[in-house]
């Protein structure tokens, strides 16, 4: 599935707030005439998008005759969903498959435009001037070698550890902008956006490799840069 996160307070259900998980669960429950909890592969933050998101739900055995694997069911489900959420495919999976715990890695893309965007202005961050991607990618090597991302994590959350295993992190220059891709076994809340904001400081020459290393070693969120806007971030 995919969704435009602009009008949602992230994926996970929250009291009195619009979330993607809530909308999906309501649509499935209405169609299947039973309560259908939905579990997603990860919790995207407010305003963050997803282009290839995985979620799972369990059906009661009495519903097997209406197993949602047909094109007709997919069509009906998408009719129930708002225009900013789309489900591309529904397939039966083994009972022990779990969208979150069976996932071995996750990848985020952050999109930056070097010119004022018009049609994609809700899906990228506009940055004025050229960025030094060579300097940024030297810092990306540090990210891959790092395990504790406390300096880039949202404060006062319920996570037990701030350790993540990043296997890929790289910036590249694309037509009229830049693209940041990062893959890890897990991500902390606000982690990718705070990394992006700090790396933008590197690209602008405000921070060097040594300074970036000190931020990582400090294990202090206040030492890192500002978080980049949510609108440029996609879970893919």
C-alpha atoms as a PDB file:
ATOM      1  CA  UNK A   1       0.000   0.000   0.000  1.00  0.00           C
ATOM      2  CA  UNK A   2       0.967   3.659  -0.218  1.00  0.00           C
ATOM      3  CA  UNK A   3      -0.212   6.835   1.423  1.00  0.00           C
ATOM      4  CA  UNK A   4       0.183  10.576   1.419  1.00  0.00           C
ATOM      5  CA  UNK A   5       0.827  11.395   5.065  1.00  0.00           C
ATOM      6  CA  UNK A   6       0.179  15.139   4.773  1.00  0.00           C
ATOM      7  CA  UNK A   7      -3.159  15.071   6.599  1.00  0.00           C
ATOM      8  CA  UNK A   8      -2.382  12.297   9.085  1.00  0.00           C
ATOM      9  CA  UNK A   9      -0.725  12.172  12.498  1.00  0.00           C
ATOM     10  CA  UNK A  10       1.407   9.268  11.363  1.00  0.00           C
ATOM     11  CA  UNK A  11       0.579   5.598  10.942  1.00  0.00           C
ATOM     12  CA  UNK A  12      -0.269   4.488  14.478  1.00  0.00           C
ATOM     13  CA  UNK A  13      -3.738   4.958  15.959  1.00  0.00           C
ATOM     14  CA  UNK A  14      -3.955   7.871  18.397  1.00  0.00           C
ATOM     15  CA  UNK A  15      -6.950   9.131  20.385  1.00  0.00           C
ATOM     16  CA  UNK A  16      -8.865  11.897  18.609  1.00  0.00           C
ATOM     17  CA  UNK A  17      -6.281  12.188  15.817  1.00  0.00           C
ATOM     18  CA  UNK A  18      -6.502  11.072  12.159  1.00  0.00           C
ATOM     19  CA  UNK A  19      -4.065   8.231  11.420  1.00  0.00           C
ATOM     20  CA  UNK A  20      -3.521   5.887   8.490  1.00  0.00           C
ATOM     21  CA  UNK A  21      -3.873   2.750  10.624  1.00  0.00           C
ATOM     22  CA  UNK A  22      -7.259   3.930  11.865  1.00  0.00           C
ATOM     23  CA  UNK A  23      -8.559   4.565   8.350  1.00  0.00           C
ATOM     24  CA  UNK A  24      -7.370   1.184   7.026  1.00  0.00           C
ATOM     25  CA  UNK A  25      -8.789  -0.721  10.010  1.00  0.00           C
ATOM     26  CA  UNK A  26     -12.158   1.024   9.688  1.00  0.00           C
ATOM     27  CA  UNK A  27     -12.397   0.239   5.973  1.00  0.00           C
ATOM     28  CA  UNK A  28     -11.530  -3.445   6.463  1.00  0.00           C
ATOM     29  CA  UNK A  29     -13.865  -3.813   9.440  1.00  0.00           C
ATOM     30  CA  UNK A  30     -16.728  -2.289   7.470  1.00  0.00           C
ATOM     31  CA  UNK A  31     -16.176  -4.521   4.450  1.00  0.00           C
ATOM     32  CA  UNK A  32     -15.636  -7.741   6.396  1.00  0.00           C
ATOM     33  CA  UNK A  33     -18.347  -7.011   8.984  1.00  0.00           C
ATOM     34  CA  UNK A  34     -16.036  -7.802  11.888  1.00  0.00           C
ATOM     35  CA  UNK A  35     -13.434  -5.991  13.963  1.00  0.00           C
ATOM     36  CA  UNK A  36     -10.165  -6.126  11.995  1.00  0.00           C
ATOM     37  CA  UNK A  37      -7.037  -4.869  13.785  1.00  0.00           C
ATOM     38  CA  UNK A  38      -4.253  -3.914  11.383  1.00  0.00           C
ATOM     39  CA  UNK A  39      -0.533  -4.103  12.137  1.00  0.00           C
ATOM     40  CA  UNK A  40       1.983  -2.125  10.085  1.00  0.00           C
ATOM     41  CA  UNK A  41       5.664  -2.641   9.322  1.00  0.00           C
ATOM     42  CA  UNK A  42       6.622   0.541  11.146  1.00  0.00           C
ATOM     43  CA  UNK A  43       5.349   3.760  12.670  1.00  0.00           C
ATOM     44  CA  UNK A  44       5.774   6.730  10.372  1.00  0.00           C
ATOM     45  CA  UNK A  45       5.627  10.148  12.021  1.00  0.00           C
ATOM     46  CA  UNK A  46       3.139  12.940  11.377  1.00  0.00           C
ATOM     47  CA  UNK A  47       3.294  14.134   7.772  1.00  0.00           C
ATOM     48  CA  UNK A  48       5.586  11.334   6.560  1.00  0.00           C
ATOM     49  CA  UNK A  49       4.599   9.420   3.418  1.00  0.00           C
ATOM     50  CA  UNK A  50       4.946   5.791   2.317  1.00  0.00           C
ATOM     51  CA  UNK A  51       5.253   4.449  -1.224  1.00  0.00           C
ATOM     52  CA  UNK A  52       5.645   0.708  -0.514  1.00  0.00           C
ATOM     53  CA  UNK A  53       4.168  -0.006   2.916  1.00  0.00           C
ATOM     54  CA  UNK A  54       3.390  -3.469   4.278  1.00  0.00           C
ATOM     55  CA  UNK A  55       0.663  -4.249   6.805  1.00  0.00           C
ATOM     56  CA  UNK A  56      -1.107  -7.415   7.903  1.00  0.00           C
ATOM     57  CA  UNK A  57      -4.446  -8.355   9.420  1.00  0.00           C
ATOM     58  CA  UNK A  58      -5.930 -11.633  10.696  1.00  0.00           C
ATOM     59  CA  UNK A  59      -9.350 -12.981   9.779  1.00  0.00           C
ATOM     60  CA  UNK A  60     -11.587 -15.253  11.821  1.00  0.00           C
ATOM     61  CA  UNK A  61     -11.882 -18.756  10.396  1.00  0.00           C
ATOM     62  CA  UNK A  62     -15.539 -18.123   9.586  1.00  0.00           C
ATOM     63  CA  UNK A  63     -14.416 -15.457   7.120  1.00  0.00           C
ATOM     64  CA  UNK A  64     -12.325 -17.774   4.938  1.00  0.00           C
ATOM     65  CA  UNK A  65     -15.075 -17.922   2.351  1.00  0.00           C
ATOM     66  CA  UNK A  66     -14.500 -14.201   1.865  1.00  0.00           C
ATOM     67  CA  UNK A  67     -10.727 -14.290   1.927  1.00  0.00           C
ATOM     68  CA  UNK A  68      -9.685 -10.885   0.536  1.00  0.00           C
ATOM     69  CA  UNK A  69      -7.400 -12.066  -2.227  1.00  0.00           C
ATOM     70  CA  UNK A  70      -9.548 -11.161  -5.198  1.00  0.00           C
ATOM     71  CA  UNK A  71      -9.424  -8.150  -7.450  1.00  0.00           C
ATOM     72  CA  UNK A  72     -13.036  -7.475  -6.547  1.00  0.00           C
ATOM     73  CA  UNK A  73     -12.246  -7.140  -2.847  1.00  0.00           C
ATOM     74  CA  UNK A  74      -9.248  -4.922  -3.600  1.00  0.00           C
ATOM     75  CA  UNK A  75     -11.453  -2.702  -5.746  1.00  0.00           C
ATOM     76  CA  UNK A  76     -14.055  -2.432  -2.972  1.00  0.00           C
ATOM     77  CA  UNK A  77     -11.438  -1.663  -0.349  1.00  0.00           C
ATOM     78  CA  UNK A  78      -9.955   1.156  -2.396  1.00  0.00           C
ATOM     79  CA  UNK A  79     -13.458   2.545  -2.955  1.00  0.00           C
ATOM     80  CA  UNK A  80     -13.809   2.775   0.831  1.00  0.00           C
ATOM     81  CA  UNK A  81     -10.453   4.474   1.298  1.00  0.00           C
ATOM     82  CA  UNK A  82      -9.841   8.223   0.831  1.00  0.00           C
ATOM     83  CA  UNK A  83      -7.858   9.425  -2.209  1.00  0.00           C
ATOM     84  CA  UNK A  84      -4.627   9.753  -0.195  1.00  0.00           C
ATOM     85  CA  UNK A  85      -4.443   6.030   0.678  1.00  0.00           C
ATOM     86  CA  UNK A  86      -4.205   3.183  -1.842  1.00  0.00           C
ATOM     87  CA  UNK A  87      -3.798  -0.574  -1.428  1.00  0.00           C
ATOM     88  CA  UNK A  88      -1.997  -2.200  -4.364  1.00  0.00           C
ATOM     89  CA  UNK A  89      -2.138  -5.858  -3.410  1.00  0.00           C
ATOM     90  CA  UNK A  90      -3.599  -8.226  -0.810  1.00  0.00           C
ATOM     91  CA  UNK A  91      -2.200 -11.753  -0.494  1.00  0.00           C
ATOM     92  CA  UNK A  92      -2.723 -14.611   2.005  1.00  0.00           C
ATOM     93  CA  UNK A  93       0.370 -15.315   4.127  1.00  0.00           C
ATOM     94  CA  UNK A  94       1.347 -17.918   6.758  1.00  0.00           C
ATOM     95  CA  UNK A  95      -0.158 -17.337  10.186  1.00  0.00           C
ATOM     96  CA  UNK A  96       3.237 -16.622  11.754  1.00  0.00           C
ATOM     97  CA  UNK A  97       4.026 -13.818   9.296  1.00  0.00           C
ATOM     98  CA  UNK A  98       4.078 -10.437  11.058  1.00  0.00           C
ATOM     99  CA  UNK A  99       4.391  -7.141   9.189  1.00  0.00           C
ATOM    100  CA  UNK A 100       6.573  -5.613  11.891  1.00  0.00           C
ATOM    101  CA  UNK A 101       8.518  -8.466  13.461  1.00  0.00           C
ATOM    102  CA  UNK A 102       9.117 -10.448  10.269  1.00  0.00           C
ATOM    103  CA  UNK A 103      10.686  -7.443   8.542  1.00  0.00           C
ATOM    104  CA  UNK A 104      14.493  -7.680   8.443  1.00  0.00           C
ATOM    105  CA  UNK A 105      15.115  -4.133   7.246  1.00  0.00           C
ATOM    106  CA  UNK A 106      13.380  -0.884   6.319  1.00  0.00           C
ATOM    107  CA  UNK A 107      14.379   1.850   3.873  1.00  0.00           C
ATOM    108  CA  UNK A 108      13.583   5.555   3.848  1.00  0.00           C
ATOM    109  CA  UNK A 109      14.103   8.074   1.063  1.00  0.00           C
ATOM    110  CA  UNK A 110      14.333  11.800   1.664  1.00  0.00           C
ATOM    111  CA  UNK A 111      13.757  14.105  -1.321  1.00  0.00           C
ATOM    112  CA  UNK A 112      15.305  17.559  -1.604  1.00  0.00           C
ATOM    113  CA  UNK A 113      14.693  20.065  -4.397  1.00  0.00           C
ATOM    114  CA  UNK A 114      17.312  22.671  -5.291  1.00  0.00           C
ATOM    115  CA  UNK A 115      14.729  24.733  -7.178  1.00  0.00           C
ATOM    116  CA  UNK A 116      11.372  25.996  -5.974  1.00  0.00           C
ATOM    117  CA  UNK A 117       9.075  22.993  -6.502  1.00  0.00           C
ATOM    118  CA  UNK A 118       5.597  23.453  -7.902  1.00  0.00           C
ATOM    119  CA  UNK A 119       3.862  20.133  -8.478  1.00  0.00           C
ATOM    120  CA  UNK A 120       5.935  18.222  -5.915  1.00  0.00           C
ATOM    121  CA  UNK A 121       6.072  20.889  -3.228  1.00  0.00           C
ATOM    122  CA  UNK A 122       4.230  18.651  -0.720  1.00  0.00           C
ATOM    123  CA  UNK A 123       6.687  15.800  -1.248  1.00  0.00           C
ATOM    124  CA  UNK A 124      10.127  17.387  -1.021  1.00  0.00           C
ATOM    125  CA  UNK A 125      12.126  19.913   0.980  1.00  0.00           C
ATOM    126  CA  UNK A 126      13.309  22.996  -0.898  1.00  0.00           C
ATOM    127  CA  UNK A 127      16.946  23.844  -0.148  1.00  0.00           C
ATOM    128  CA  UNK A 128      18.653  26.870  -1.658  1.00  0.00           C
ATOM    129  CA  UNK A 129      22.135  26.456  -3.137  1.00  0.00           C
ATOM    130  CA  UNK A 130      24.471  23.553  -3.848  1.00  0.00           C
ATOM    131  CA  UNK A 131      25.281  20.911  -1.244  1.00  0.00           C
ATOM    132  CA  UNK A 132      28.641  19.192  -0.797  1.00  0.00           C
ATOM    133  CA  UNK A 133      27.555  15.566  -1.243  1.00  0.00           C
ATOM    134  CA  UNK A 134      31.138  14.314  -0.927  1.00  0.00           C
ATOM    135  CA  UNK A 135      31.368  15.743   2.593  1.00  0.00           C
ATOM    136  CA  UNK A 136      27.904  14.420   3.423  1.00  0.00           C
ATOM    137  CA  UNK A 137      28.756  10.892   2.273  1.00  0.00           C
ATOM    138  CA  UNK A 138      31.863  10.848   4.458  1.00  0.00           C
ATOM    139  CA  UNK A 139      29.494  11.381   7.371  1.00  0.00           C
ATOM    140  CA  UNK A 140      27.237   8.645   6.007  1.00  0.00           C
ATOM    141  CA  UNK A 141      30.118   6.202   6.502  1.00  0.00           C
ATOM    142  CA  UNK A 142      30.155   7.241  10.157  1.00  0.00           C
ATOM    143  CA  UNK A 143      26.410   6.550  10.332  1.00  0.00           C
ATOM    144  CA  UNK A 144      26.942   3.003   9.044  1.00  0.00           C
ATOM    145  CA  UNK A 145      29.648   2.443  11.672  1.00  0.00           C
ATOM    146  CA  UNK A 146      27.417   3.823  14.466  1.00  0.00           C
ATOM    147  CA  UNK A 147      25.105   1.732  16.641  1.00  0.00           C
ATOM    148  CA  UNK A 148      23.770   4.231  19.219  1.00  0.00           C
ATOM    149  CA  UNK A 149      21.622   6.966  17.645  1.00  0.00           C
ATOM    150  CA  UNK A 150      20.581   8.775  20.814  1.00  0.00           C
ATOM    151  CA  UNK A 151      21.763  12.093  19.340  1.00  0.00           C
ATOM    152  CA  UNK A 152      19.181  11.738  16.565  1.00  0.00           C
ATOM    153  CA  UNK A 153      16.262  10.273  18.520  1.00  0.00           C
ATOM    154  CA  UNK A 154      13.136  11.959  19.800  1.00  0.00           C
ATOM    155  CA  UNK A 155      13.324  12.500  23.547  1.00  0.00           C
ATOM    156  CA  UNK A 156      11.042  10.866  26.130  1.00  0.00           C
ATOM    157  CA  UNK A 157       9.780   7.922  24.075  1.00  0.00           C
ATOM    158  CA  UNK A 158       8.950   4.406  25.262  1.00  0.00           C
ATOM    159  CA  UNK A 159      11.753   2.600  23.371  1.00  0.00           C
ATOM    160  CA  UNK A 160      14.101   0.397  25.401  1.00  0.00           C
ATOM    161  CA  UNK A 161      17.198   1.021  23.288  1.00  0.00           C
ATOM    162  CA  UNK A 162      18.440   3.626  20.814  1.00  0.00           C
ATOM    163  CA  UNK A 163      20.636   1.114  19.006  1.00  0.00           C
ATOM    164  CA  UNK A 164      20.032   0.589  15.291  1.00  0.00           C
ATOM    165  CA  UNK A 165      22.019  -1.294  12.641  1.00  0.00           C
ATOM    166  CA  UNK A 166      22.302   0.915   9.567  1.00  0.00           C
ATOM    167  CA  UNK A 167      23.474  -1.056   6.529  1.00  0.00           C
ATOM    168  CA  UNK A 168      23.217   1.649   3.880  1.00  0.00           C
ATOM    169  CA  UNK A 169      23.269   5.454   3.907  1.00  0.00           C
ATOM    170  CA  UNK A 170      24.063   7.590   0.887  1.00  0.00           C
ATOM    171  CA  UNK A 171      23.264  10.940  -0.707  1.00  0.00           C
ATOM    172  CA  UNK A 172      23.274  11.483  -4.435  1.00  0.00           C
ATOM    173  CA  UNK A 173      22.735  14.424  -6.735  1.00  0.00           C
ATOM    174  CA  UNK A 174      19.671  13.954  -8.927  1.00  0.00           C
ATOM    175  CA  UNK A 175      18.003  16.183 -11.489  1.00  0.00           C
ATOM    176  CA  UNK A 176      17.127  19.476  -9.768  1.00  0.00           C
ATOM    177  CA  UNK A 177      17.906  18.196  -6.298  1.00  0.00           C
ATOM    178  CA  UNK A 178      19.244  15.542  -3.958  1.00  0.00           C
ATOM    179  CA  UNK A 179      18.184  12.140  -2.729  1.00  0.00           C
ATOM    180  CA  UNK A 180      19.065  10.579   0.646  1.00  0.00           C
ATOM    181  CA  UNK A 181      18.580   6.825   1.033  1.00  0.00           C
ATOM    182  CA  UNK A 182      19.046   4.994   4.325  1.00  0.00           C
ATOM    183  CA  UNK A 183      18.400   1.362   5.295  1.00  0.00           C
ATOM    184  CA  UNK A 184      18.416  -0.146   8.795  1.00  0.00           C
ATOM    185  CA  UNK A 185      16.938  -2.969  10.821  1.00  0.00           C
ATOM    186  CA  UNK A 186      14.904  -0.398  12.757  1.00  0.00           C
ATOM    187  CA  UNK A 187      14.528   3.371  13.078  1.00  0.00           C
ATOM    188  CA  UNK A 188      13.869   5.614  16.053  1.00  0.00           C
ATOM    189  CA  UNK A 189      11.192   8.300  16.077  1.00  0.00           C
ATOM    190  CA  UNK A 190      12.381  11.363  14.160  1.00  0.00           C
ATOM    191  CA  UNK A 191      15.740   9.664  13.469  1.00  0.00           C
ATOM    192  CA  UNK A 192      15.849  10.049   9.693  1.00  0.00           C
ATOM    193  CA  UNK A 193      14.633  13.639   9.763  1.00  0.00           C
ATOM    194  CA  UNK A 194      17.168  14.678  12.417  1.00  0.00           C
ATOM    195  CA  UNK A 195      19.953  12.907  10.514  1.00  0.00           C
ATOM    196  CA  UNK A 196      18.851  14.683   7.340  1.00  0.00           C
ATOM    197  CA  UNK A 197      18.809  18.086   9.019  1.00  0.00           C
ATOM    198  CA  UNK A 198      22.271  17.538  10.505  1.00  0.00           C
ATOM    199  CA  UNK A 199      23.676  16.306   7.188  1.00  0.00           C
ATOM    200  CA  UNK A 200      22.263  19.403   5.504  1.00  0.00           C
ATOM    201  CA  UNK A 201      24.453  21.437   7.865  1.00  0.00           C
ATOM    202  CA  UNK A 202      27.410  19.370   6.634  1.00  0.00           C
ATOM    203  CA  UNK A 203      26.453  19.948   2.999  1.00  0.00           C
ATOM    204  CA  UNK A 204      26.232  23.696   3.563  1.00  0.00           C
ATOM    205  CA  UNK A 205      29.668  23.797   5.177  1.00  0.00           C
ATOM    206  CA  UNK A 206      28.349  24.634   8.647  1.00  0.00           C
ATOM    207  CA  UNK A 207      29.596  21.347  10.088  1.00  0.00           C
ATOM    208  CA  UNK A 208      32.615  19.191   9.236  1.00  0.00           C
ATOM    209  CA  UNK A 209      33.305  15.474   9.625  1.00  0.00           C
ATOM    210  CA  UNK A 210      34.925  15.927  13.024  1.00  0.00           C
ATOM    211  CA  UNK A 211      31.982  17.938  14.278  1.00  0.00           C
ATOM    212  CA  UNK A 212      29.555  15.293  13.050  1.00  0.00           C
ATOM    213  CA  UNK A 213      31.486  12.582  14.888  1.00  0.00           C
ATOM    214  CA  UNK A 214      31.315  14.635  18.085  1.00  0.00           C
ATOM    215  CA  UNK A 215      27.534  14.910  17.748  1.00  0.00           C
ATOM    216  CA  UNK A 216      27.244  11.128  17.403  1.00  0.00           C
ATOM    217  CA  UNK A 217      29.509  10.530  20.390  1.00  0.00           C
ATOM    218  CA  UNK A 218      27.665  13.086  22.554  1.00  0.00           C
ATOM    219  CA  UNK A 219      24.488  10.971  22.672  1.00  0.00           C
ATOM    220  CA  UNK A 220      22.615  14.242  23.122  1.00  0.00           C
ATOM    221  CA  UNK A 221      19.768  15.292  20.798  1.00  0.00           C
ATOM    222  CA  UNK A 222      20.390  18.982  21.509  1.00  0.00           C
ATOM    223  CA  UNK A 223      23.818  18.746  19.852  1.00  0.00           C
ATOM    224  CA  UNK A 224      22.426  17.649  16.471  1.00  0.00           C
ATOM    225  CA  UNK A 225      20.837  19.838  13.811  1.00  0.00           C
ATOM    226  CA  UNK A 226      17.177  20.691  13.351  1.00  0.00           C
ATOM    227  CA  UNK A 227      14.906  18.018  11.935  1.00  0.00           C
ATOM    228  CA  UNK A 228      14.182  18.296   8.225  1.00  0.00           C
ATOM    229  CA  UNK A 229      10.473  18.762   7.356  1.00  0.00           C
ATOM    230  CA  UNK A 230       8.364  15.601   7.315  1.00  0.00           C
ATOM    231  CA  UNK A 231       6.990  16.197   3.816  1.00  0.00           C
ATOM    232  CA  UNK A 232      10.198  15.085   2.075  1.00  0.00           C
ATOM    233  CA  UNK A 233      10.357  11.689   3.795  1.00  0.00           C
ATOM    234  CA  UNK A 234       9.055   8.409   2.370  1.00  0.00           C
ATOM    235  CA  UNK A 235       9.086   4.887   3.761  1.00  0.00           C
ATOM    236  CA  UNK A 236       9.725   2.727   0.689  1.00  0.00           C
END
